[in-house]
Amino acid sequence: MQIFELSKACLILAFAQTCVWFQLYSHYVWDWWKGKPLQAALMYGIPASLCFWYATKMIVDTTSEAWTARLLGFGMSYLTFPLLTWWLLNESMFTMKTMLCVTLSFMIIAIQLGWK
């Protein structure tokens, strides 16, 4: 059930990318996060690192390809980053450049999940 394992890994990657977003941008959203890089690194960085590790292991064990893990990680980041940045920082993701990148990310994910 390769697609099931890869789908689970993609969800884990999305969670990890979300953690990374909050680690790097929380201080722009909430004033009380300003000046707390160590706390942000510990709170979000450790779960993100573990999720990246497990998702990478799942993908490489399933496909025997490190490139698949790398490209799925990249593709998932372009799904989470624009949504979180639009929602929490009010930066539009509806620019031509961003929408093309999101479309390309969907294509990368589709190729990695569907190509045997």
C-alpha atoms as a PDB file:
ATOM      1  CA  MET A   1       0.000   0.000   0.000  1.00  0.00           C
ATOM      2  CA  GLN A   2       2.568   2.523  -1.190  1.00  0.00           C
ATOM      3  CA  ILE A   3       0.155   5.426  -1.668  1.00  0.00           C
ATOM      4  CA  PHE A   4      -1.188   5.022   1.889  1.00  0.00           C
ATOM      5  CA  GLU A   5       2.312   5.170   3.406  1.00  0.00           C
ATOM      6  CA  LEU A   6       3.289   8.141   1.264  1.00  0.00           C
ATOM      7  CA  SER A   7       0.070   9.957   2.152  1.00  0.00           C
ATOM      8  CA  LYS A   8       0.770   9.454   5.865  1.00  0.00           C
ATOM      9  CA  ALA A   9       4.292  10.753   5.335  1.00  0.00           C
ATOM     10  CA  CYS A  10       2.898  13.823   3.546  1.00  0.00           C
ATOM     11  CA  LEU A  11       0.637  14.579   6.517  1.00  0.00           C
ATOM     12  CA  ILE A  12       3.620  14.281   8.853  1.00  0.00           C
ATOM     13  CA  LEU A  13       5.611  16.587   6.559  1.00  0.00           C
ATOM     14  CA  ALA A  14       2.756  19.106   6.583  1.00  0.00           C
ATOM     15  CA  PHE A  15       2.730  19.063  10.379  1.00  0.00           C
ATOM     16  CA  ALA A  16       6.525  19.493  10.473  1.00  0.00           C
ATOM     17  CA  GLN A  17       6.359  22.371   8.005  1.00  0.00           C
ATOM     18  CA  THR A  18       3.657  23.992  10.131  1.00  0.00           C
ATOM     19  CA  CYS A  19       5.884  23.709  13.201  1.00  0.00           C
ATOM     20  CA  VAL A  20       8.740  25.316  11.284  1.00  0.00           C
ATOM     21  CA  TRP A  21       6.469  28.140  10.144  1.00  0.00           C
ATOM     22  CA  PHE A  22       5.495  28.892  13.750  1.00  0.00           C
ATOM     23  CA  GLN A  23       9.113  28.599  14.881  1.00  0.00           C
ATOM     24  CA  LEU A  24      10.225  31.206  12.356  1.00  0.00           C
ATOM     25  CA  TYR A  25       7.225  33.562  12.169  1.00  0.00           C
ATOM     26  CA  SER A  26       5.422  33.466  15.540  1.00  0.00           C
ATOM     27  CA  HIS A  27       7.183  36.635  16.664  1.00  0.00           C
ATOM     28  CA  TYR A  28       5.599  38.464  13.726  1.00  0.00           C
ATOM     29  CA  VAL A  29       2.136  37.244  14.689  1.00  0.00           C
ATOM     30  CA  TRP A  30       2.234  37.617  18.490  1.00  0.00           C
ATOM     31  CA  ASP A  31       4.251  40.242  20.339  1.00  0.00           C
ATOM     32  CA  TRP A  32       4.870  37.973  23.321  1.00  0.00           C
ATOM     33  CA  TRP A  33       7.037  35.688  21.083  1.00  0.00           C
ATOM     34  CA  LYS A  34       9.474  38.521  20.296  1.00  0.00           C
ATOM     35  CA  GLY A  35      12.975  37.938  21.611  1.00  0.00           C
ATOM     36  CA  LYS A  36      12.400  34.251  22.395  1.00  0.00           C
ATOM     37  CA  PRO A  37      14.319  32.348  19.708  1.00  0.00           C
ATOM     38  CA  LEU A  38      15.517  29.604  22.072  1.00  0.00           C
ATOM     39  CA  GLN A  39      12.008  28.918  23.340  1.00  0.00           C
ATOM     40  CA  ALA A  40      10.674  28.822  19.767  1.00  0.00           C
ATOM     41  CA  ALA A  41      13.486  26.496  18.679  1.00  0.00           C
ATOM     42  CA  LEU A  42      12.786  24.091  21.536  1.00  0.00           C
ATOM     43  CA  MET A  43       9.002  24.210  21.339  1.00  0.00           C
ATOM     44  CA  TYR A  44       8.684  23.878  17.568  1.00  0.00           C
ATOM     45  CA  GLY A  45      12.081  22.684  16.381  1.00  0.00           C
ATOM     46  CA  ILE A  46      12.214  19.399  18.273  1.00  0.00           C
ATOM     47  CA  PRO A  47       8.782  18.154  17.117  1.00  0.00           C
ATOM     48  CA  ALA A  48       9.520  19.351  13.562  1.00  0.00           C
ATOM     49  CA  SER A  49      12.868  17.547  13.481  1.00  0.00           C
ATOM     50  CA  LEU A  50      11.329  14.318  14.718  1.00  0.00           C
ATOM     51  CA  CYS A  51       8.511  14.570  12.179  1.00  0.00           C
ATOM     52  CA  PHE A  52      10.964  15.236   9.335  1.00  0.00           C
ATOM     53  CA  TRP A  53      13.049  12.263  10.431  1.00  0.00           C
ATOM     54  CA  TYR A  54      10.081   9.856  10.582  1.00  0.00           C
ATOM     55  CA  ALA A  55       8.516  11.120   7.357  1.00  0.00           C
ATOM     56  CA  THR A  56      11.834  10.794   5.534  1.00  0.00           C
ATOM     57  CA  LYS A  57      12.285   7.274   6.875  1.00  0.00           C
ATOM     58  CA  MET A  58       8.768   6.309   5.807  1.00  0.00           C
ATOM     59  CA  ILE A  59       9.251   7.704   2.306  1.00  0.00           C
ATOM     60  CA  VAL A  60      12.701   6.226   1.686  1.00  0.00           C
ATOM     61  CA  ASP A  61      11.641   2.843   3.127  1.00  0.00           C
ATOM     62  CA  THR A  62       8.578   2.859   0.868  1.00  0.00           C
ATOM     63  CA  THR A  63      10.190   4.093  -2.354  1.00  0.00           C
ATOM     64  CA  SER A  64      13.918   3.333  -1.863  1.00  0.00           C
ATOM     65  CA  GLU A  65      14.594   6.865  -3.118  1.00  0.00           C
ATOM     66  CA  ALA A  66      15.964   9.790  -1.123  1.00  0.00           C
ATOM     67  CA  TRP A  67      14.922  12.166  -3.926  1.00  0.00           C
ATOM     68  CA  THR A  68      11.267  11.323  -3.372  1.00  0.00           C
ATOM     69  CA  ALA A  69      11.558  12.321   0.289  1.00  0.00           C
ATOM     70  CA  ARG A  70      13.314  15.573  -0.624  1.00  0.00           C
ATOM     71  CA  LEU A  71      10.837  16.564  -3.310  1.00  0.00           C
ATOM     72  CA  LEU A  72       7.778  15.675  -1.230  1.00  0.00           C
ATOM     73  CA  GLY A  73       9.208  17.754   1.625  1.00  0.00           C
ATOM     74  CA  PHE A  74       9.703  20.687  -0.733  1.00  0.00           C
ATOM     75  CA  GLY A  75       6.238  20.297  -2.236  1.00  0.00           C
ATOM     76  CA  MET A  76       4.512  20.112   1.130  1.00  0.00           C
ATOM     77  CA  SER A  77       6.297  23.272   2.271  1.00  0.00           C
ATOM     78  CA  TYR A  78       4.725  25.184  -0.592  1.00  0.00           C
ATOM     79  CA  LEU A  79       1.311  24.061   0.544  1.00  0.00           C
ATOM     80  CA  THR A  80       1.675  25.018   4.203  1.00  0.00           C
ATOM     81  CA  PHE A  81       3.712  28.234   3.928  1.00  0.00           C
ATOM     82  CA  PRO A  82       1.385  30.225   1.627  1.00  0.00           C
ATOM     83  CA  LEU A  83      -1.715  29.225   3.610  1.00  0.00           C
ATOM     84  CA  LEU A  84      -0.247  30.087   7.005  1.00  0.00           C
ATOM     85  CA  THR A  85       1.321  33.316   5.739  1.00  0.00           C
ATOM     86  CA  TRP A  86      -1.957  34.398   4.169  1.00  0.00           C
ATOM     87  CA  TRP A  87      -4.035  33.438   7.206  1.00  0.00           C
ATOM     88  CA  LEU A  88      -1.805  34.756  10.014  1.00  0.00           C
ATOM     89  CA  LEU A  89       0.292  37.495   8.401  1.00  0.00           C
ATOM     90  CA  ASN A  90      -2.294  38.713   5.907  1.00  0.00           C
ATOM     91  CA  GLU A  91       0.150  38.426   3.025  1.00  0.00           C
ATOM     92  CA  SER A  92      -1.643  37.450  -0.116  1.00  0.00           C
ATOM     93  CA  MET A  93      -0.780  34.141  -1.664  1.00  0.00           C
ATOM     94  CA  PHE A  94      -2.755  35.174  -4.738  1.00  0.00           C
ATOM     95  CA  THR A  95       0.091  36.635  -6.723  1.00  0.00           C
ATOM     96  CA  MET A  96       1.105  35.131 -10.041  1.00  0.00           C
ATOM     97  CA  LYS A  97       4.495  34.049  -8.685  1.00  0.00           C
ATOM     98  CA  THR A  98       3.094  32.377  -5.571  1.00  0.00           C
ATOM     99  CA  MET A  99       0.237  30.660  -7.376  1.00  0.00           C
ATOM    100  CA  LEU A 100       2.640  29.276  -9.994  1.00  0.00           C
ATOM    101  CA  CYS A 101       4.887  27.943  -7.227  1.00  0.00           C
ATOM    102  CA  VAL A 102       1.920  26.353  -5.446  1.00  0.00           C
ATOM    103  CA  THR A 103       0.787  24.795  -8.743  1.00  0.00           C
ATOM    104  CA  LEU A 104       4.283  23.446  -9.368  1.00  0.00           C
ATOM    105  CA  SER A 105       4.334  22.015  -5.839  1.00  0.00           C
ATOM    106  CA  PHE A 106       1.054  20.210  -6.457  1.00  0.00           C
ATOM    107  CA  MET A 107       2.564  18.828  -9.650  1.00  0.00           C
ATOM    108  CA  ILE A 108       5.725  17.678  -7.835  1.00  0.00           C
ATOM    109  CA  ILE A 109       3.650  15.941  -5.166  1.00  0.00           C
ATOM    110  CA  ALA A 110       1.416  14.304  -7.786  1.00  0.00           C
ATOM    111  CA  ILE A 111       4.442  13.035  -9.718  1.00  0.00           C
ATOM    112  CA  GLN A 112       6.108  11.696  -6.576  1.00  0.00           C
ATOM    113  CA  LEU A 113       2.918   9.979  -5.372  1.00  0.00           C
ATOM    114  CA  GLY A 114       1.722   8.703  -8.732  1.00  0.00           C
ATOM    115  CA  TRP A 115       4.827   7.803 -10.702  1.00  0.00           C
ATOM    116  CA  LYS A 116       6.027   4.238 -10.196  1.00  0.00           C
END
